[in-house]
Protein backbone atom coordinates (compact mmCIF):
# COMPACT_ATOMS: atom_id res chain seq x y z
CA ASP A 1 -7.76 -16.23 -5.43
CA ARG A 2 -6.32 -12.76 -5.60
CA GLN A 3 -8.55 -9.70 -5.51
CA VAL A 4 -8.26 -7.50 -8.62
CA ILE A 5 -7.89 -3.79 -7.88
CA PRO A 6 -9.00 -1.71 -10.88
CA LYS A 7 -6.83 1.07 -12.26
CA GLY A 8 -9.14 3.83 -11.03
CA SER A 9 -9.24 2.53 -7.45
CA HIS A 10 -5.62 1.62 -6.84
CA ALA A 11 -4.54 4.89 -5.17
CA ASP A 12 -7.38 4.81 -2.63
CA VAL A 13 -6.84 1.13 -1.84
CA LEU A 14 -3.09 1.63 -1.41
CA LYS A 15 -3.64 4.64 0.84
CA GLU A 16 -5.81 2.55 3.17
CA LEU A 17 -3.42 -0.42 3.11
CA LYS A 18 -0.54 1.90 4.02
CA ARG A 19 -2.63 3.31 6.88
CA ILE A 20 -3.08 -0.25 8.19
CA ASP A 21 0.66 -0.89 7.78
CA ARG A 22 1.56 2.23 9.79
CA PHE A 23 -0.93 1.25 12.50
CA LEU A 24 0.50 -2.28 12.80
CA LYS A 25 4.08 -1.02 12.92
CA LYS A 26 3.23 1.63 15.50
CA HIS A 27 1.57 -0.87 17.83
CA SER A 28 4.03 -3.72 17.35
CA GLY A 29 7.23 -1.71 17.45
CA ALA A 30 8.38 -3.32 14.20
CA GLU A 31 10.77 -1.53 11.89
CA ARG A 32 9.98 -0.88 8.25
CA ASP A 33 10.84 -4.16 6.61
CA GLY A 34 8.49 -4.48 3.65
CA CYS A 35 6.65 -7.56 4.97
CA PHE A 36 3.21 -5.96 4.65
CA PHE A 37 3.98 -4.75 1.11
CA HIS A 38 4.91 -8.27 0.00
CA LEU A 39 1.83 -9.74 1.70
CA MET A 40 -0.34 -7.13 -0.03
CA CYS A 41 1.20 -7.97 -3.42
CA SER A 42 0.43 -11.66 -2.89
CA CYS A 43 -3.22 -10.88 -2.04
CA PHE A 44 -4.07 -8.33 -4.72
CA ASP A 45 -3.63 -7.96 -8.48
CA PHE A 46 -3.32 -4.28 -9.32
CA GLU A 47 -4.24 -3.20 -12.85
CA VAL A 48 -1.31 -0.76 -12.80
CA SER A 49 2.44 -1.30 -12.99
CA LEU A 50 4.49 -2.40 -9.99
CA GLY A 51 6.24 0.98 -10.10
CA THR A 52 2.90 2.76 -9.75
CA VAL A 53 1.94 0.50 -6.85
CA GLN A 54 5.25 1.21 -5.09
CA ARG A 55 5.02 4.96 -5.72
CA ASN A 56 1.49 5.15 -4.29
CA TYR A 57 2.25 2.84 -1.36
CA TYR A 58 5.51 4.46 -0.24
CA ILE A 59 4.40 8.08 -0.64
CA SER A 60 4.90 10.08 2.55
CA GLU A 61 1.95 11.17 4.67
CA GLU A 62 2.75 14.81 3.85
CA GLU A 63 2.74 14.13 0.11
CA GLN A 64 -0.48 12.12 0.50
CA GLU A 65 -2.21 15.18 1.96
CA LEU A 66 -1.35 17.19 -1.17
CA LEU A 67 -3.12 14.74 -3.49
């Protein structure tokens, strides 16, 4: 079963998932390869478009601070 992420919560959930992704990459030495993004998409159903999910997930840390 996939967890549904409501439209109003998607940005916060994606911000935390990206934080986990950065942590894992930092401590494993892995390059950015999109594996965590694809795993996340197989675990969650977002009630927003894929483009919105990608935009919120791949936003830079500097841009994140401005939101």
